[in-house]
PDB file of all heavy atoms in Angstrom:
ATOM      1  N   PHE A   1      12.335  11.516 -13.132  1.00  0.00           N
ATOM      2  CA  PHE A   1      13.061  10.421 -12.469  1.00  0.00           C
ATOM      3  C   PHE A   1      13.174   9.203 -13.382  1.00  0.00           C
ATOM      4  O   PHE A   1      14.173   8.489 -13.337  1.00  0.00           O
ATOM      5  CB  PHE A   1      12.381  10.064 -11.148  1.00  0.00           C
ATOM      6  CG  PHE A   1      12.796  10.942 -10.005  1.00  0.00           C
ATOM      7  CD1 PHE A   1      12.136  12.135  -9.759  1.00  0.00           C
ATOM      8  CD2 PHE A   1      13.861  10.600  -9.194  1.00  0.00           C
ATOM      9  CE1 PHE A   1      12.523  12.965  -8.714  1.00  0.00           C
ATOM     10  CE2 PHE A   1      14.264  11.418  -8.145  1.00  0.00           C
ATOM     11  CZ  PHE A   1      13.591  12.612  -7.910  1.00  0.00           C
ATOM     12  N   ALA A   2      12.155   8.988 -14.220  1.00  0.00           N
ATOM     13  CA  ALA A   2      12.187   7.850 -15.134  1.00  0.00           C
ATOM     14  C   ALA A   2      13.280   8.001 -16.189  1.00  0.00           C
ATOM     15  O   ALA A   2      13.751   7.009 -16.761  1.00  0.00           O
ATOM     16  CB  ALA A   2      10.829   7.684 -15.811  1.00  0.00           C
ATOM     17  N   ARG A   3      13.718   9.236 -16.442  1.00  0.00           N
ATOM     18  CA  ARG A   3      14.768   9.476 -17.430  1.00  0.00           C
ATOM     19  C   ARG A   3      16.164   9.159 -16.873  1.00  0.00           C
ATOM     20  O   ARG A   3      17.120   8.997 -17.628  1.00  0.00           O
ATOM     21  CB  ARG A   3      14.738  10.937 -17.879  1.00  0.00           C
ATOM     22  CG  ARG A   3      13.485  11.343 -18.614  1.00  0.00           C
ATOM     23  CD  ARG A   3      13.421  10.754 -19.997  1.00  0.00           C
ATOM     24  NE  ARG A   3      14.299  11.445 -20.940  1.00  0.00           N
ATOM     25  CZ  ARG A   3      14.426  11.132 -22.210  1.00  0.00           C
ATOM     26  NH1 ARG A   3      13.770  10.086 -22.692  1.00  0.00           N
ATOM     27  NH2 ARG A   3      15.227  11.813 -23.002  1.00  0.00           N
ATOM     28  N   LEU A   4      16.291   9.102 -15.565  1.00  0.00           N
ATOM     29  CA  LEU A   4      17.595   8.863 -14.947  1.00  0.00           C
ATOM     30  C   LEU A   4      17.932   7.377 -14.901  1.00  0.00           C
ATOM     31  O   LEU A   4      17.048   6.539 -14.684  1.00  0.00           O
ATOM     32  CB  LEU A   4      17.609   9.423 -13.519  1.00  0.00           C
ATOM     33  CG  LEU A   4      17.478  10.937 -13.384  1.00  0.00           C
ATOM     34  CD1 LEU A   4      17.287  11.316 -11.920  1.00  0.00           C
ATOM     35  CD2 LEU A   4      18.702  11.628 -13.965  1.00  0.00           C
ATOM     36  N   ARG A   5      19.197   7.077 -15.080  1.00  0.00           N
ATOM     37  CA  ARG A   5      19.632   5.695 -14.903  1.00  0.00           C
ATOM     38  C   ARG A   5      19.609   5.360 -13.418  1.00  0.00           C
ATOM     39  O   ARG A   5      20.013   6.181 -12.579  1.00  0.00           O
ATOM     40  CB  ARG A   5      21.050   5.508 -15.449  1.00  0.00           C
ATOM     41  CG  ARG A   5      21.182   5.727 -16.948  1.00  0.00           C
ATOM     42  CD  ARG A   5      22.582   5.338 -17.443  1.00  0.00           C
ATOM     43  NE  ARG A   5      23.610   6.147 -16.828  1.00  0.00           N
ATOM     44  CZ  ARG A   5      24.021   7.321 -17.301  1.00  0.00           C
ATOM     45  NH1 ARG A   5      23.471   7.832 -18.389  1.00  0.00           N
ATOM     46  NH2 ARG A   5      24.984   7.991 -16.702  1.00  0.00           N
ATOM     47  N   PRO A   6      19.150   4.171 -13.039  1.00  0.00           N
ATOM     48  CA  PRO A   6      19.185   3.790 -11.622  1.00  0.00           C
ATOM     49  C   PRO A   6      20.592   3.949 -11.059  1.00  0.00           C
ATOM     50  O   PRO A   6      21.577   3.606 -11.718  1.00  0.00           O
ATOM     51  CB  PRO A   6      18.748   2.318 -11.640  1.00  0.00           C
ATOM     52  CG  PRO A   6      17.911   2.198 -12.871  1.00  0.00           C
ATOM     53  CD  PRO A   6      18.534   3.122 -13.888  1.00  0.00           C
ATOM     54  N   GLY A   7      20.667   4.503  -9.850  1.00  0.00           N
ATOM     55  CA  GLY A   7      21.957   4.713  -9.218  1.00  0.00           C
ATOM     56  C   GLY A   7      22.554   6.087  -9.455  1.00  0.00           C
ATOM     57  O   GLY A   7      23.601   6.406  -8.888  1.00  0.00           O
ATOM     58  N   THR A   8      21.904   6.911 -10.299  1.00  0.00           N
ATOM     59  CA  THR A   8      22.413   8.259 -10.560  1.00  0.00           C
ATOM     60  C   THR A   8      22.216   9.130  -9.326  1.00  0.00           C
ATOM     61  O   THR A   8      21.079   9.352  -8.904  1.00  0.00           O
ATOM     62  CB  THR A   8      21.679   8.900 -11.756  1.00  0.00           C
ATOM     63  OG1 THR A   8      21.833   8.077 -12.904  1.00  0.00           O
ATOM     64  CG2 THR A   8      22.220  10.299 -12.036  1.00  0.00           C
ATOM     65  N   PRO A   9      23.282   9.640  -8.706  1.00  0.00           N
ATOM     66  CA  PRO A   9      23.119  10.425  -7.475  1.00  0.00           C
ATOM     67  C   PRO A   9      22.410  11.760  -7.748  1.00  0.00           C
ATOM     68  O   PRO A   9      22.667  12.416  -8.759  1.00  0.00           O
ATOM     69  CB  PRO A   9      24.560  10.665  -7.011  1.00  0.00           C
ATOM     70  CG  PRO A   9      25.402   9.703  -7.779  1.00  0.00           C
ATOM     71  CD  PRO A   9      24.699   9.474  -9.068  1.00  0.00           C
ATOM     72  N   LEU A  10      21.549  12.138  -6.817  1.00  0.00           N
ATOM     73  CA  LEU A  10      20.862  13.428  -6.871  1.00  0.00           C
ATOM     74  C   LEU A  10      21.242  14.235  -5.638  1.00  0.00           C
ATOM     75  O   LEU A  10      20.947  13.842  -4.509  1.00  0.00           O
ATOM     76  CB  LEU A  10      19.344  13.235  -6.905  1.00  0.00           C
ATOM     77  CG  LEU A  10      18.487  14.495  -6.689  1.00  0.00           C
ATOM     78  CD1 LEU A  10      18.705  15.513  -7.801  1.00  0.00           C
ATOM     79  CD2 LEU A  10      17.006  14.129  -6.565  1.00  0.00           C
ATOM     80  N   PHE A  11      21.933  15.360  -5.846  1.00  0.00           N
ATOM     81  CA  PHE A  11      22.227  16.296  -4.776  1.00  0.00           C
ATOM     82  C   PHE A  11      21.125  17.342  -4.736  1.00  0.00           C
ATOM     83  O   PHE A  11      20.760  17.912  -5.765  1.00  0.00           O
ATOM     84  CB  PHE A  11      23.574  17.001  -5.026  1.00  0.00           C
ATOM     85  CG  PHE A  11      24.782  16.138  -4.842  1.00  0.00           C
ATOM     86  CD1 PHE A  11      25.209  15.297  -5.854  1.00  0.00           C
ATOM     87  CD2 PHE A  11      25.512  16.183  -3.661  1.00  0.00           C
ATOM     88  CE1 PHE A  11      26.341  14.504  -5.697  1.00  0.00           C
ATOM     89  CE2 PHE A  11      26.645  15.393  -3.485  1.00  0.00           C
ATOM     90  CZ  PHE A  11      27.059  14.546  -4.510  1.00  0.00           C
ATOM     91  N   ILE A  12      20.617  17.619  -3.540  1.00  0.00           N
ATOM     92  CA  ILE A  12      19.571  18.636  -3.386  1.00  0.00           C
ATOM     93  C   ILE A  12      19.642  19.185  -1.963  1.00  0.00           C
ATOM     94  O   ILE A  12      19.998  18.445  -1.030  1.00  0.00           O
ATOM     95  CB  ILE A  12      18.166  18.059  -3.685  1.00  0.00           C
ATOM     96  CG1 ILE A  12      17.105  19.154  -3.717  1.00  0.00           C
ATOM     97  CG2 ILE A  12      17.794  16.938  -2.709  1.00  0.00           C
ATOM     98  CD1 ILE A  12      15.765  18.684  -4.274  1.00  0.00           C
ATOM     99  N   GLY A  13      19.324  20.465  -1.794  1.00  0.00           N
ATOM    100  CA  GLY A  13      19.412  21.071  -0.466  1.00  0.00           C
ATOM    101  C   GLY A  13      18.664  20.289   0.581  1.00  0.00           C
ATOM    102  O   GLY A  13      19.222  19.883   1.609  1.00  0.00           O
ATOM    103  N   LYS A  14      17.385  20.045   0.323  1.00  0.00           N
ATOM    104  CA  LYS A  14      16.563  19.222   1.211  1.00  0.00           C
ATOM    105  C   LYS A  14      15.521  18.533   0.346  1.00  0.00           C
ATOM    106  O   LYS A  14      14.864  19.182  -0.472  1.00  0.00           O
ATOM    107  CB  LYS A  14      15.876  20.068   2.283  1.00  0.00           C
ATOM    108  CG  LYS A  14      15.072  19.234   3.296  1.00  0.00           C
ATOM    109  CD  LYS A  14      14.510  20.107   4.393  1.00  0.00           C
ATOM    110  CE  LYS A  14      13.674  19.306   5.385  1.00  0.00           C
ATOM    111  NZ  LYS A  14      14.434  18.228   6.050  1.00  0.00           N
ATOM    112  N   ALA A  15      15.355  17.245   0.517  1.00  0.00           N
ATOM    113  CA  ALA A  15      14.428  16.478  -0.307  1.00  0.00           C
ATOM    114  C   ALA A  15      13.040  16.459   0.323  1.00  0.00           C
ATOM    115  O   ALA A  15      12.858  15.908   1.407  1.00  0.00           O
ATOM    116  CB  ALA A  15      14.940  15.053  -0.498  1.00  0.00           C
ATOM    117  N   LYS A  16      12.081  17.070  -0.366  1.00  0.00           N
ATOM    118  CA  LYS A  16      10.700  16.993   0.071  1.00  0.00           C
ATOM    119  C   LYS A  16      10.206  15.550  -0.081  1.00  0.00           C
ATOM    120  O   LYS A  16      10.780  14.751  -0.824  1.00  0.00           O
ATOM    121  CB  LYS A  16       9.827  17.936  -0.764  1.00  0.00           C
ATOM    122  CG  LYS A  16      10.151  19.420  -0.613  1.00  0.00           C
ATOM    123  CD  LYS A  16       9.763  19.929   0.757  1.00  0.00           C
ATOM    124  CE  LYS A  16       9.664  21.445   0.805  1.00  0.00           C
ATOM    125  NZ  LYS A  16      10.894  22.167   0.465  1.00  0.00           N
ATOM    126  N   PRO A  17       9.118  15.181   0.613  1.00  0.00           N
ATOM    127  CA  PRO A  17       8.621  13.794   0.518  1.00  0.00           C
ATOM    128  C   PRO A  17       8.390  13.312  -0.909  1.00  0.00           C
ATOM    129  O   PRO A  17       8.677  12.153  -1.229  1.00  0.00           O
ATOM    130  CB  PRO A  17       7.313  13.849   1.318  1.00  0.00           C
ATOM    131  CG  PRO A  17       7.559  14.909   2.350  1.00  0.00           C
ATOM    132  CD  PRO A  17       8.388  15.946   1.657  1.00  0.00           C
ATOM    133  N   VAL A  18       7.896  14.190  -1.799  1.00  0.00           N
ATOM    134  CA  VAL A  18       7.647  13.764  -3.188  1.00  0.00           C
ATOM    135  C   VAL A  18       8.949  13.360  -3.858  1.00  0.00           C
ATOM    136  O   VAL A  18       8.996  12.395  -4.632  1.00  0.00           O
ATOM    137  CB  VAL A  18       6.937  14.884  -3.985  1.00  0.00           C
ATOM    138  CG1 VAL A  18       7.813  16.140  -4.112  1.00  0.00           C
ATOM    139  CG2 VAL A  18       6.532  14.382  -5.361  1.00  0.00           C
ATOM    140  N   ILE A  19      10.037  14.051  -3.553  1.00  0.00           N
ATOM    141  CA  ILE A  19      11.342  13.716  -4.129  1.00  0.00           C
ATOM    142  C   ILE A  19      11.841  12.401  -3.546  1.00  0.00           C
ATOM    143  O   ILE A  19      12.343  11.526  -4.267  1.00  0.00           O
ATOM    144  CB  ILE A  19      12.357  14.840  -3.867  1.00  0.00           C
ATOM    145  CG1 ILE A  19      11.883  16.155  -4.492  1.00  0.00           C
ATOM    146  CG2 ILE A  19      13.736  14.450  -4.377  1.00  0.00           C
ATOM    147  CD1 ILE A  19      11.745  16.123  -5.988  1.00  0.00           C
ATOM    148  N   ARG A  20      11.700  12.236  -2.241  1.00  0.00           N
ATOM    149  CA  ARG A  20      12.115  10.992  -1.589  1.00  0.00           C
ATOM    150  C   ARG A  20      11.370   9.790  -2.167  1.00  0.00           C
ATOM    151  O   ARG A  20      11.972   8.745  -2.459  1.00  0.00           O
ATOM    152  CB  ARG A  20      11.851  11.089  -0.085  1.00  0.00           C
ATOM    153  CG  ARG A  20      12.865  11.909   0.684  1.00  0.00           C
ATOM    154  CD  ARG A  20      14.141  11.141   0.857  1.00  0.00           C
ATOM    155  NE  ARG A  20      15.139  11.888   1.604  1.00  0.00           N
ATOM    156  CZ  ARG A  20      16.414  11.563   1.660  1.00  0.00           C
ATOM    157  NH1 ARG A  20      16.849  10.489   1.015  1.00  0.00           N
ATOM    158  NH2 ARG A  20      17.273  12.287   2.351  1.00  0.00           N
ATOM    159  N   ASP A  21      10.062   9.933  -2.327  1.00  0.00           N
ATOM    160  CA  ASP A  21       9.252   8.816  -2.815  1.00  0.00           C
ATOM    161  C   ASP A  21       9.645   8.416  -4.235  1.00  0.00           C
ATOM    162  O   ASP A  21       9.790   7.228  -4.549  1.00  0.00           O
ATOM    163  CB  ASP A  21       7.761   9.187  -2.770  1.00  0.00           C
ATOM    164  CG  ASP A  21       7.227   9.311  -1.347  1.00  0.00           C
ATOM    165  OD1 ASP A  21       7.910   8.837  -0.415  1.00  0.00           O
ATOM    166  OD2 ASP A  21       6.144   9.895  -1.172  1.00  0.00           O
ATOM    167  N   LEU A  22       9.830   9.411  -5.115  1.00  0.00           N
ATOM    168  CA  LEU A  22      10.207   9.107  -6.489  1.00  0.00           C
ATOM    169  C   LEU A  22      11.623   8.546  -6.561  1.00  0.00           C
ATOM    170  O   LEU A  22      11.906   7.639  -7.358  1.00  0.00           O
ATOM    171  CB  LEU A  22      10.087  10.369  -7.346  1.00  0.00           C
ATOM    172  CG  LEU A  22       8.653  10.804  -7.666  1.00  0.00           C
ATOM    173  CD1 LEU A  22       8.634  12.194  -8.294  1.00  0.00           C
ATOM    174  CD2 LEU A  22       7.974   9.792  -8.598  1.00  0.00           C
ATOM    175  N   ALA A  23      12.510   9.067  -5.731  1.00  0.00           N
ATOM    176  CA  ALA A  23      13.884   8.562  -5.711  1.00  0.00           C
ATOM    177  C   ALA A  23      13.913   7.097  -5.277  1.00  0.00           C
ATOM    178  O   ALA A  23      14.643   6.277  -5.850  1.00  0.00           O
ATOM    179  CB  ALA A  23      14.739   9.413  -4.786  1.00  0.00           C
ATOM    180  N   ASP A  24      13.117   6.761  -4.274  1.00  0.00           N
ATOM    181  CA  ASP A  24      13.041   5.362  -3.828  1.00  0.00           C
ATOM    182  C   ASP A  24      12.489   4.471  -4.949  1.00  0.00           C
ATOM    183  O   ASP A  24      13.008   3.370  -5.196  1.00  0.00           O
ATOM    184  CB  ASP A  24      12.163   5.249  -2.586  1.00  0.00           C
ATOM    185  CG  ASP A  24      12.822   5.818  -1.345  1.00  0.00           C
ATOM    186  OD1 ASP A  24      14.053   6.036  -1.379  1.00  0.00           O
ATOM    187  OD2 ASP A  24      12.117   6.064  -0.346  1.00  0.00           O
ATOM    188  N   LYS A  25      11.460   4.966  -5.610  1.00  0.00           N
ATOM    189  CA  LYS A  25      10.820   4.172  -6.668  1.00  0.00           C
ATOM    190  C   LYS A  25      11.779   3.882  -7.815  1.00  0.00           C
ATOM    191  O   LYS A  25      11.809   2.761  -8.352  1.00  0.00           O
ATOM    192  CB  LYS A  25       9.584   4.908  -7.185  1.00  0.00           C
ATOM    193  CG  LYS A  25       8.850   4.170  -8.300  1.00  0.00           C
ATOM    194  CD  LYS A  25       7.582   4.909  -8.711  1.00  0.00           C
ATOM    195  CE  LYS A  25       6.854   4.168  -9.834  1.00  0.00           C
ATOM    196  NZ  LYS A  25       5.597   4.870 -10.217  1.00  0.00           N
ATOM    197  N   TYR A  26      12.591   4.873  -8.186  1.00  0.00           N
ATOM    198  CA  TYR A  26      13.471   4.724  -9.343  1.00  0.00           C
ATOM    199  C   TYR A  26      14.927   4.443  -8.955  1.00  0.00           C
ATOM    200  O   TYR A  26      15.813   4.503  -9.790  1.00  0.00           O
ATOM    201  CB  TYR A  26      13.382   5.971 -10.227  1.00  0.00           C
ATOM    202  CG  TYR A  26      12.055   6.025 -10.974  1.00  0.00           C
ATOM    203  CD1 TYR A  26      10.969   6.711 -10.444  1.00  0.00           C
ATOM    204  CD2 TYR A  26      11.889   5.347 -12.179  1.00  0.00           C
ATOM    205  CE1 TYR A  26       9.744   6.736 -11.108  1.00  0.00           C
ATOM    206  CE2 TYR A  26      10.674   5.365 -12.851  1.00  0.00           C
ATOM    207  CZ  TYR A  26       9.607   6.061 -12.303  1.00  0.00           C
ATOM    208  OH  TYR A  26       8.402   6.081 -12.969  1.00  0.00           O
TER     209      TYR A  26
END
């Protein structure tokens, strides 16, 4: 997640809590 530019959309079937938390952080 740190490698992504802020605002880069992530498509995923279903976001587990770990994905949600990191996405919010970055």
